Amino acid sequence: MFRVFTISLLFLFSLCANAQQEPMNSQYMFNMLSINPAYAGSRKVMSTSCMYRQQWLGLNGAPRTIYASMDMPIKKEKLGVGMTVTNDKIGIMSQLNANLIGSYRIQVSTRATLAFGLQAGINQFNADYASIDFSKTSSSLLPDQAFSSSVNKIAPNFGTGVYYNSDKFYVGISAPKLIQNNFGAAYSSTKDKSSFRNTQSRHYFFIMGYVFKINELYTFKPSILVKEVPGAPLEIDFNSNFWIQDIVGIGLSYRSKDALVGILEFQVNPQFRFGYSYDYPLTTLIKATSGSHEILVRYEFGYGKSNIKSLRYF
């Protein structure tokens, strides 16, 4: 597994990257259910997470994301079930996504599991185009007809994923949204009939990480996240996290051609974890924003009755 991780990491350094369409998540390595449904039940206890992200602070209409999740194993850990709710807002547009998740888990060895996951949910999209102020537009220019009315649509979606993990290694691939729903506003004129399209694109995620036990005090956990959208440049996150006595985690991430991310994690007790991350833009956005902030809180039930005796790193 170490050789697989090292070779893949070297290979991915040769790929270029850029932006994404789905909500950003800098602490994905502690919140993988948000991108891969096969992760459900992998922590062997009932796990709940809440995340708030304020992106590009100081920029008018910048993205804000609220995320909540719950998952747990059932049927002697052969199955996993869970749910996620995400509220994402950027400018005049907002999305509310709710998903039910199920995974089937195969014990391939005493310390390794292979899981297959499915999720199904509802996407609500709202765009208040009518609220855009065209009063300062030149009198010789007419507002686009696509902005003459607002949009409020609800559509189903589903996704799938595969996830393998042992005590020290994990790898997964997923596509959380497979249906390419059109949330555009249709309009027509006397001369032409067309559609202002806002179509959901399929996003594909690849994740991989490894845990190196340096000594009794220090642990090193590198990981990568690859995000691919057809028709857009590839994006890669390179992450490194150091844990001190399994209590304090200090991390640094590089999001290709986008940002540097600092991460601070506290394992308050075996059940409660608190995380904070700060994104420093590496693009011209730094002229308009002081960066992005993200807070993640996780609480897990059942440690007193489970067979878990040490910290789970993923």
Protein backbone atom coordinates (compact mmCIF):
# COMPACT_ATOMS: atom_id res chain seq x y z
CA MET A 1 0.00 0.00 0.00
CA PHE A 2 2.90 2.38 0.74
CA ARG A 3 4.30 1.81 -2.77
CA VAL A 4 0.88 2.47 -4.32
CA PHE A 5 0.57 5.73 -2.37
CA THR A 6 4.10 6.93 -3.27
CA ILE A 7 3.84 6.12 -6.99
CA SER A 8 0.40 7.74 -7.28
CA LEU A 9 1.60 10.85 -5.46
CA LEU A 10 4.59 11.28 -7.82
CA PHE A 11 2.37 10.74 -10.85
CA LEU A 12 -0.18 13.33 -9.76
CA PHE A 13 2.51 16.00 -9.33
CA SER A 14 2.77 16.06 -13.13
CA LEU A 15 -0.87 17.07 -13.64
CA CYS A 16 -2.14 20.66 -13.88
CA ALA A 17 -5.27 21.87 -12.14
CA ASN A 18 -7.78 24.64 -11.45
CA ALA A 19 -11.27 25.33 -10.09
CA GLN A 20 -14.42 23.34 -9.28
CA GLN A 21 -18.21 23.75 -9.32
CA GLU A 22 -19.34 21.97 -6.15
CA PRO A 23 -18.99 23.63 -2.71
CA MET A 24 -15.40 23.80 -1.48
CA ASN A 25 -14.37 21.68 1.52
CA SER A 26 -10.82 22.17 2.83
CA GLN A 27 -11.18 19.61 5.66
CA TYR A 28 -12.45 16.82 3.42
CA MET A 29 -9.94 14.36 4.94
CA PHE A 30 -11.94 14.50 8.21
CA ASN A 31 -15.31 14.70 6.43
CA MET A 32 -15.18 12.22 3.54
CA LEU A 33 -18.88 11.36 3.60
CA SER A 34 -19.44 14.70 1.84
CA ILE A 35 -17.75 13.39 -1.32
CA ASN A 36 -18.00 9.58 -1.13
CA PRO A 37 -21.15 7.67 -0.02
CA ALA A 38 -19.14 4.45 0.43
CA TYR A 39 -17.56 6.05 3.51
CA ALA A 40 -20.80 5.54 5.48
CA GLY A 41 -20.27 3.30 8.51
CA SER A 42 -16.49 3.15 8.15
CA ARG A 43 -15.83 4.73 11.55
CA LYS A 44 -17.67 1.81 13.26
CA VAL A 45 -19.74 4.12 15.49
CA MET A 46 -22.53 6.64 14.99
CA SER A 47 -20.71 9.73 13.74
CA THR A 48 -22.17 13.23 13.34
CA SER A 49 -20.49 16.23 11.70
CA CYS A 50 -21.29 19.90 11.17
CA MET A 51 -19.31 22.29 8.99
CA TYR A 52 -19.56 26.01 8.25
CA ARG A 53 -17.47 27.65 5.52
CA GLN A 54 -17.20 31.35 4.72
CA GLN A 55 -15.31 31.66 1.45
CA TRP A 56 -13.50 34.77 0.21
CA LEU A 57 -14.25 36.91 3.26
CA GLY A 58 -14.99 40.54 2.39
CA LEU A 59 -16.10 39.82 -1.17
CA ASN A 60 -19.74 40.71 -1.82
CA GLY A 61 -21.83 37.65 -2.67
CA ALA A 62 -19.03 35.20 -1.79
CA PRO A 63 -19.92 31.51 -1.20
CA ARG A 64 -21.19 30.39 2.22
CA THR A 65 -21.74 26.70 2.96
CA ILE A 66 -23.40 24.87 5.86
CA TYR A 67 -23.08 21.08 5.97
CA ALA A 68 -24.38 18.44 8.39
CA SER A 69 -24.08 14.64 8.27
CA MET A 70 -24.76 11.47 10.25
CA ASP A 71 -23.71 7.89 9.53
CA MET A 72 -23.40 4.59 11.38
CA PRO A 73 -22.79 0.86 10.76
CA ILE A 74 -25.59 -1.70 11.06
CA LYS A 75 -25.99 -5.47 10.62
CA LYS A 76 -22.70 -6.27 12.41
CA GLU A 77 -20.91 -3.57 10.40
CA LYS A 78 -21.74 -5.22 7.07
CA LEU A 79 -23.85 -2.22 6.08
CA GLY A 80 -23.55 1.51 6.60
CA VAL A 81 -26.33 4.08 6.55
CA GLY A 82 -26.27 7.85 6.72
CA MET A 83 -27.58 11.18 5.54
CA THR A 84 -26.19 14.57 4.54
CA VAL A 85 -27.71 18.04 4.23
CA THR A 86 -25.91 20.91 2.49
CA ASN A 87 -26.97 24.54 2.13
CA ASP A 88 -24.75 26.43 -0.30
CA LYS A 89 -25.22 30.10 -1.24
CA ILE A 90 -23.29 32.27 -3.68
CA GLY A 91 -24.57 35.66 -4.76
CA ILE A 92 -28.19 35.46 -5.87
CA MET A 93 -28.07 31.65 -6.13
CA SER A 94 -28.55 29.03 -3.42
CA GLN A 95 -28.82 25.24 -3.30
CA LEU A 96 -30.22 22.92 -0.66
CA ASN A 97 -29.20 19.26 -1.05
CA ALA A 98 -30.42 16.38 1.12
CA ASN A 99 -29.22 12.79 0.61
CA LEU A 100 -29.89 9.37 2.09
CA ILE A 101 -26.86 7.08 1.93
CA GLY A 102 -26.26 3.34 2.08
CA SER A 103 -23.07 1.28 1.81
CA TYR A 104 -22.26 -2.42 1.60
CA ARG A 105 -19.04 -3.33 3.42
CA ILE A 106 -16.85 -6.37 2.71
CA GLN A 107 -14.22 -7.42 5.26
CA VAL A 108 -11.27 -8.32 3.02
CA SER A 109 -8.91 -8.93 5.96
CA THR A 110 -8.83 -8.48 9.73
CA ARG A 111 -7.86 -4.83 9.30
CA ALA A 112 -9.14 -3.88 5.85
CA THR A 113 -12.60 -3.23 4.40
CA LEU A 114 -13.89 -2.62 0.88
CA ALA A 115 -17.17 -0.69 0.64
CA PHE A 116 -19.59 0.18 -2.16
CA GLY A 117 -21.91 3.14 -1.60
CA LEU A 118 -25.02 4.68 -3.10
CA GLN A 119 -26.83 7.90 -2.29
CA ALA A 120 -30.13 9.35 -3.46
CA GLY A 121 -31.45 12.78 -2.73
CA ILE A 122 -33.18 15.99 -3.67
CA ASN A 123 -31.57 19.19 -4.99
CA GLN A 124 -33.42 22.48 -4.58
CA PHE A 125 -32.01 25.32 -6.66
CA ASN A 126 -33.01 28.96 -6.34
CA ALA A 127 -31.72 31.92 -8.37
CA ASP A 128 -33.22 35.35 -7.78
CA TYR A 129 -32.36 36.80 -11.21
CA ALA A 130 -35.13 39.40 -10.92
CA SER A 131 -33.31 41.04 -7.99
CA ILE A 132 -30.37 42.14 -10.15
CA ASP A 133 -30.24 45.94 -10.43
CA PHE A 134 -29.85 47.16 -14.02
CA SER A 135 -30.47 50.82 -13.15
CA LYS A 136 -26.83 51.70 -13.82
CA THR A 137 -26.78 49.93 -17.18
CA SER A 138 -26.25 52.10 -20.22
CA SER A 139 -29.55 53.18 -21.78
CA SER A 140 -28.34 51.81 -25.11
CA LEU A 141 -28.12 48.32 -23.62
CA LEU A 142 -31.12 46.20 -22.68
CA PRO A 143 -30.96 43.66 -19.84
CA ASP A 144 -30.67 40.04 -20.92
CA GLN A 145 -34.10 38.39 -20.99
CA ALA A 146 -32.65 35.52 -18.97
CA PHE A 147 -32.64 37.87 -15.94
CA SER A 148 -36.29 38.83 -16.22
CA SER A 149 -37.54 36.14 -13.83
CA SER A 150 -36.33 34.03 -10.93
CA VAL A 151 -35.83 30.27 -10.81
CA ASN A 152 -36.90 27.85 -8.09
CA LYS A 153 -36.54 24.20 -9.09
CA ILE A 154 -36.41 20.85 -7.30
CA ALA A 155 -34.84 17.80 -8.95
CA PRO A 156 -33.69 14.33 -7.84
CA ASN A 157 -30.12 13.11 -8.04
CA PHE A 158 -28.06 10.11 -7.04
CA GLY A 159 -24.41 9.18 -6.71
CA THR A 160 -22.09 6.29 -6.08
CA GLY A 161 -18.63 5.50 -4.75
CA VAL A 162 -16.09 2.84 -3.78
CA TYR A 163 -13.92 3.08 -0.65
CA TYR A 164 -11.13 0.83 0.67
CA ASN A 165 -9.46 1.36 4.02
CA SER A 166 -7.19 -0.36 6.51
CA ASP A 167 -5.72 0.93 9.78
CA LYS A 168 -3.10 3.00 7.93
CA PHE A 169 -4.29 3.44 4.34
CA TYR A 170 -7.39 4.52 2.43
CA VAL A 171 -8.30 5.03 -1.21
CA GLY A 172 -11.61 5.83 -2.86
CA ILE A 173 -13.31 7.03 -6.02
CA SER A 174 -16.77 8.56 -6.29
CA ALA A 175 -19.29 10.54 -8.31
CA PRO A 176 -21.75 12.14 -5.83
CA LYS A 177 -24.09 13.57 -8.50
CA LEU A 178 -24.70 11.62 -11.69
CA ILE A 179 -27.82 13.33 -13.07
CA GLN A 180 -27.05 16.50 -15.04
CA ASN A 181 -30.10 18.52 -14.06
CA ASN A 182 -30.84 21.77 -15.89
CA PHE A 183 -31.64 24.57 -13.45
CA GLY A 184 -31.72 27.30 -16.10
CA ALA A 185 -34.48 29.81 -16.73
CA ALA A 186 -36.32 29.29 -20.00
CA TYR A 187 -37.43 32.39 -21.90
CA SER A 188 -38.58 33.30 -25.39
CA SER A 189 -38.93 36.30 -27.68
CA THR A 190 -40.70 37.06 -30.93
CA LYS A 191 -37.55 36.27 -32.91
CA ASP A 192 -35.98 33.46 -31.00
CA LYS A 193 -36.65 30.71 -28.48
CA SER A 194 -33.75 29.56 -26.37
CA SER A 195 -32.74 28.61 -22.86
CA PHE A 196 -30.45 30.20 -20.30
CA ARG A 197 -28.76 27.02 -19.07
CA ASN A 198 -27.37 26.25 -15.64
CA THR A 199 -26.65 22.54 -15.89
CA GLN A 200 -25.17 20.42 -13.12
CA SER A 201 -21.92 18.82 -14.22
CA ARG A 202 -20.75 15.42 -13.04
CA HIS A 203 -17.90 15.68 -10.54
CA TYR A 204 -15.50 12.78 -10.05
CA PHE A 205 -13.38 12.50 -6.89
CA PHE A 206 -10.32 10.39 -6.12
CA ILE A 207 -9.00 10.30 -2.53
CA MET A 208 -6.01 8.56 -0.99
CA GLY A 209 -4.10 8.82 2.29
CA TYR A 210 -1.57 7.01 4.45
CA VAL A 211 -0.63 7.17 8.14
CA PHE A 212 3.05 7.05 9.19
CA LYS A 213 3.66 6.38 12.87
CA ILE A 214 6.88 8.30 13.52
CA ASN A 215 7.09 7.41 17.22
CA GLU A 216 4.85 7.30 20.28
CA LEU A 217 4.34 11.07 20.18
CA TYR A 218 4.13 12.01 16.50
CA THR A 219 2.12 10.77 13.53
CA PHE A 220 2.32 11.98 9.93
CA LYS A 221 -0.66 11.67 7.60
CA PRO A 222 -0.29 12.81 3.95
CA SER A 223 -3.26 12.63 1.59
CA ILE A 224 -4.44 13.75 -1.84
CA LEU A 225 -7.76 14.69 -3.38
CA VAL A 226 -8.27 14.83 -7.15
CA LYS A 227 -11.39 16.55 -8.53
CA GLU A 228 -12.28 16.12 -12.19
CA VAL A 229 -15.10 17.77 -14.14
CA PRO A 230 -15.48 17.13 -17.89
CA GLY A 231 -14.54 20.25 -19.82
CA ALA A 232 -12.67 21.86 -16.90
CA PRO A 233 -9.03 21.70 -15.74
CA LEU A 234 -8.12 19.03 -13.21
CA GLU A 235 -7.82 20.14 -9.57
CA ILE A 236 -5.63 18.46 -6.95
CA ASP A 237 -5.27 19.02 -3.20
CA PHE A 238 -1.98 17.90 -1.61
CA ASN A 239 -2.30 17.63 2.16
CA SER A 240 0.03 16.89 5.07
CA ASN A 241 -1.07 16.59 8.69
CA PHE A 242 1.07 16.06 11.77
CA TRP A 243 -0.57 14.75 14.94
CA ILE A 244 0.99 15.33 18.36
CA GLN A 245 0.06 12.66 20.92
CA ASP A 246 -3.13 12.05 18.90
CA ILE A 247 -4.56 15.23 20.43
CA VAL A 248 -3.43 18.17 18.29
CA GLY A 249 -3.26 18.05 14.50
CA ILE A 250 -1.41 20.68 12.44
CA GLY A 251 -1.82 20.55 8.67
CA LEU A 252 -0.87 22.33 5.46
CA SER A 253 -2.53 21.86 2.07
CA TYR A 254 -1.82 23.12 -1.43
CA ARG A 255 -4.80 23.42 -3.75
CA SER A 256 -3.33 23.55 -7.24
CA LYS A 257 -3.19 27.07 -8.66
CA ASP A 258 -5.73 28.23 -6.10
CA ALA A 259 -4.75 28.42 -2.42
CA LEU A 260 -2.60 27.42 0.51
CA VAL A 261 -4.59 26.00 3.43
CA GLY A 262 -3.62 25.87 7.08
CA ILE A 263 -5.48 23.35 9.26
CA LEU A 264 -5.66 23.04 13.04
CA GLU A 265 -7.43 20.07 14.68
CA PHE A 266 -8.15 19.23 18.32
CA GLN A 267 -9.22 15.76 19.46
CA VAL A 268 -10.78 16.99 22.69
CA ASN A 269 -11.69 13.45 23.79
CA PRO A 270 -12.37 10.13 21.99
CA GLN A 271 -15.81 11.41 20.96
CA PHE A 272 -15.38 15.11 20.17
CA ARG A 273 -13.19 16.74 17.52
CA PHE A 274 -12.92 20.40 16.53
CA GLY A 275 -11.23 21.64 13.37
CA TYR A 276 -10.45 25.01 11.79
CA SER A 277 -8.92 25.82 8.41
CA TYR A 278 -7.84 29.03 6.70
CA ASP A 279 -7.40 29.34 2.92
CA TYR A 280 -4.92 31.91 1.61
CA PRO A 281 -5.62 32.63 -2.09
CA LEU A 282 -2.77 32.31 -4.59
CA THR A 283 -4.71 34.06 -7.34
CA THR A 284 -5.64 37.70 -8.00
CA LEU A 285 -8.56 37.22 -5.58
CA ILE A 286 -6.11 38.15 -2.81
CA LYS A 287 -6.64 41.79 -3.86
CA ALA A 288 -10.33 41.57 -2.92
CA THR A 289 -10.46 39.13 0.00
CA SER A 290 -8.57 38.25 3.16
CA GLY A 291 -9.13 34.52 2.60
CA SER A 292 -11.59 31.77 3.52
CA HIS A 293 -12.49 30.29 6.92
CA GLU A 294 -13.94 26.87 7.70
CA ILE A 295 -15.03 25.29 11.00
CA LEU A 296 -15.74 21.56 11.41
CA VAL A 297 -17.16 19.86 14.51
CA ARG A 298 -17.59 16.08 14.88
CA TYR A 299 -19.18 14.09 17.70
CA GLU A 300 -19.32 10.30 17.84
CA PHE A 301 -21.52 8.05 19.95
CA GLY A 302 -20.93 4.54 21.23
CA TYR A 303 -17.28 4.52 22.22
CA GLY A 304 -18.10 3.08 25.63
CA LYS A 305 -19.74 0.05 24.01
CA SER A 306 -17.53 -0.39 20.94
CA ASN A 307 -14.23 -2.14 20.45
CA ILE A 308 -12.45 1.03 19.39
CA LYS A 309 -9.40 1.53 21.61
CA SER A 310 -7.47 4.23 19.74
CA LEU A 311 -7.94 7.33 17.61
CA ARG A 312 -9.27 6.81 14.09
CA TYR A 313 -7.30 8.96 11.64
CA PHE A 314 -9.91 8.68 8.84
